[in-house]
Amino acid sequence: MSNVFFGVYLFVNRENPNSQVMIAWLTASVVEVIGILLVIARSLFPVKNGNGQGSS
């Protein structure tokens, strides 16, 4: 979703985009990818509690 807003921002400010906005977008993209990987990893490898049952 942040990519859509960043694309609009770049379209509006074609000549001189602010570097702080670009850094914020890149950081948000990295956090988004890490979050997606964590969700996938937790669904593939569920954590078991003490009685041998899954966390769900």
N, C-alpha and C. Protein backbone atom coordinates (compact mmCIF):
# COMPACT_ATOMS: atom_id res chain seq x y z
N MET A 1 0.82 -1.18 0.00
CA MET A 1 0.00 0.00 0.00
C MET A 1 0.87 1.26 0.00
N SER A 2 1.97 1.19 0.73
CA SER A 2 2.85 2.36 0.77
C SER A 2 3.46 2.64 -0.60
N ASN A 3 3.59 1.61 -1.42
CA ASN A 3 4.15 1.81 -2.76
C ASN A 3 3.24 2.66 -3.63
N VAL A 4 1.93 2.54 -3.44
CA VAL A 4 0.98 3.35 -4.21
C VAL A 4 1.15 4.82 -3.85
N PHE A 5 1.20 5.11 -2.55
CA PHE A 5 1.36 6.50 -2.12
C PHE A 5 2.72 7.07 -2.56
N PHE A 6 3.74 6.24 -2.51
CA PHE A 6 5.06 6.70 -2.94
C PHE A 6 5.07 6.97 -4.45
N GLY A 7 4.38 6.13 -5.21
CA GLY A 7 4.28 6.36 -6.65
C GLY A 7 3.57 7.66 -6.97
N VAL A 8 2.51 7.96 -6.24
CA VAL A 8 1.80 9.22 -6.43
C VAL A 8 2.71 10.39 -6.05
N TYR A 9 3.43 10.24 -4.94
CA TYR A 9 4.35 11.30 -4.51
C TYR A 9 5.42 11.57 -5.59
N LEU A 10 5.99 10.51 -6.13
CA LEU A 10 7.01 10.69 -7.18
C LEU A 10 6.42 11.30 -8.44
N PHE A 11 5.18 10.94 -8.76
CA PHE A 11 4.54 11.51 -9.95
C PHE A 11 4.31 13.01 -9.78
N VAL A 12 3.91 13.41 -8.57
CA VAL A 12 3.65 14.83 -8.31
C VAL A 12 4.96 15.62 -8.21
N ASN A 13 5.99 15.04 -7.59
CA ASN A 13 7.28 15.72 -7.38
C ASN A 13 8.36 15.09 -8.24
N ARG A 14 8.16 15.11 -9.53
CA ARG A 14 9.10 14.45 -10.45
C ARG A 14 10.49 15.06 -10.43
N GLU A 15 10.56 16.36 -10.28
CA GLU A 15 11.85 17.04 -10.45
C GLU A 15 12.73 16.97 -9.21
N ASN A 16 12.13 17.06 -8.01
CA ASN A 16 12.96 17.12 -6.81
C ASN A 16 12.28 16.40 -5.65
N PRO A 17 12.31 15.06 -5.64
CA PRO A 17 11.72 14.34 -4.51
C PRO A 17 12.58 14.50 -3.25
N ASN A 18 11.92 14.57 -2.12
CA ASN A 18 12.61 14.74 -0.85
C ASN A 18 13.29 13.42 -0.45
N SER A 19 14.55 13.49 -0.06
CA SER A 19 15.28 12.27 0.30
C SER A 19 14.73 11.63 1.57
N GLN A 20 14.20 12.43 2.49
CA GLN A 20 13.64 11.86 3.73
C GLN A 20 12.41 11.02 3.43
N VAL A 21 11.62 11.42 2.46
CA VAL A 21 10.44 10.63 2.08
C VAL A 21 10.89 9.32 1.44
N MET A 22 11.92 9.36 0.64
CA MET A 22 12.42 8.14 0.00
C MET A 22 12.99 7.17 1.04
N ILE A 23 13.68 7.69 2.04
CA ILE A 23 14.22 6.84 3.11
C ILE A 23 13.09 6.22 3.92
N ALA A 24 12.07 7.01 4.22
CA ALA A 24 10.91 6.49 4.96
C ALA A 24 10.21 5.39 4.16
N TRP A 25 10.06 5.59 2.85
CA TRP A 25 9.43 4.57 2.01
C TRP A 25 10.26 3.29 1.99
N LEU A 26 11.57 3.41 1.84
CA LEU A 26 12.43 2.24 1.80
C LEU A 26 12.38 1.49 3.13
N THR A 27 12.38 2.22 4.24
CA THR A 27 12.29 1.60 5.56
C THR A 27 10.95 0.88 5.72
N ALA A 28 9.87 1.51 5.30
CA ALA A 28 8.55 0.88 5.39
C ALA A 28 8.48 -0.39 4.54
N SER A 29 9.12 -0.37 3.39
CA SER A 29 9.12 -1.56 2.53
C SER A 29 9.88 -2.71 3.18
N VAL A 30 11.00 -2.40 3.81
CA VAL A 30 11.79 -3.44 4.47
C VAL A 30 11.00 -4.02 5.65
N VAL A 31 10.37 -3.17 6.45
CA VAL A 31 9.58 -3.63 7.59
C VAL A 31 8.41 -4.48 7.09
N GLU A 32 7.79 -4.09 6.00
CA GLU A 32 6.67 -4.84 5.44
C GLU A 32 7.11 -6.24 5.01
N VAL A 33 8.24 -6.34 4.35
CA VAL A 33 8.75 -7.64 3.91
C VAL A 33 9.09 -8.51 5.11
N ILE A 34 9.73 -7.96 6.12
CA ILE A 34 10.06 -8.73 7.33
C ILE A 34 8.79 -9.22 8.01
N GLY A 35 7.77 -8.37 8.09
CA GLY A 35 6.50 -8.77 8.70
C GLY A 35 5.85 -9.91 7.94
N ILE A 36 5.85 -9.83 6.62
CA ILE A 36 5.27 -10.90 5.81
C ILE A 36 6.03 -12.21 6.02
N LEU A 37 7.34 -12.14 6.07
CA LEU A 37 8.14 -13.34 6.30
C LEU A 37 7.87 -13.94 7.67
N LEU A 38 7.69 -13.11 8.70
CA LEU A 38 7.37 -13.61 10.03
C LEU A 38 6.02 -14.30 10.06
N VAL A 39 5.03 -13.73 9.40
CA VAL A 39 3.71 -14.36 9.35
C VAL A 39 3.78 -15.71 8.65
N ILE A 40 4.49 -15.77 7.54
CA ILE A 40 4.63 -17.04 6.82
C ILE A 40 5.38 -18.06 7.67
N ALA A 41 6.45 -17.65 8.32
CA ALA A 41 7.24 -18.57 9.14
C ALA A 41 6.42 -19.10 10.32
N ARG A 42 5.62 -18.23 10.96
CA ARG A 42 4.81 -18.69 12.09
C ARG A 42 3.71 -19.64 11.64
N SER A 43 3.20 -19.48 10.43
CA SER A 43 2.17 -20.40 9.96
C SER A 43 2.78 -21.74 9.52
N LEU A 44 4.00 -21.73 9.04
CA LEU A 44 4.67 -22.97 8.65
C LEU A 44 5.23 -23.73 9.84
N PHE A 45 5.72 -23.00 10.84
CA PHE A 45 6.35 -23.60 12.00
C PHE A 45 5.70 -23.08 13.28
N PRO A 46 4.53 -23.60 13.64
CA PRO A 46 3.84 -23.08 14.84
C PRO A 46 4.61 -23.42 16.11
N VAL A 47 4.52 -22.54 17.09
CA VAL A 47 5.19 -22.73 18.37
C VAL A 47 4.33 -23.63 19.22
N LYS A 48 4.95 -24.67 19.80
CA LYS A 48 4.20 -25.59 20.66
C LYS A 48 4.36 -25.16 22.11
N ASN A 49 3.25 -25.28 22.86
CA ASN A 49 3.34 -25.00 24.28
C ASN A 49 3.72 -26.25 25.05
N GLY A 50 3.71 -26.21 26.37
CA GLY A 50 4.23 -27.29 27.21
C GLY A 50 3.54 -28.63 27.06
N ASN A 51 2.24 -28.67 26.69
CA ASN A 51 1.55 -29.96 26.63
C ASN A 51 1.56 -30.56 25.23
N GLY A 52 2.38 -30.07 24.35
CA GLY A 52 2.51 -30.66 23.02
C GLY A 52 1.51 -30.17 22.01
N GLN A 53 0.63 -29.27 22.40
CA GLN A 53 -0.35 -28.72 21.49
C GLN A 53 0.18 -27.45 20.84
N GLY A 54 -0.31 -27.14 19.65
CA GLY A 54 0.08 -25.92 18.98
C GLY A 54 -0.51 -24.70 19.68
N SER A 55 -0.08 -23.51 19.29
CA SER A 55 -0.53 -22.29 19.95
C SER A 55 -1.94 -21.92 19.56
N SER A 56 -2.51 -22.53 18.52
CA SER A 56 -3.88 -22.18 18.10
C SER A 56 -4.91 -22.97 18.87
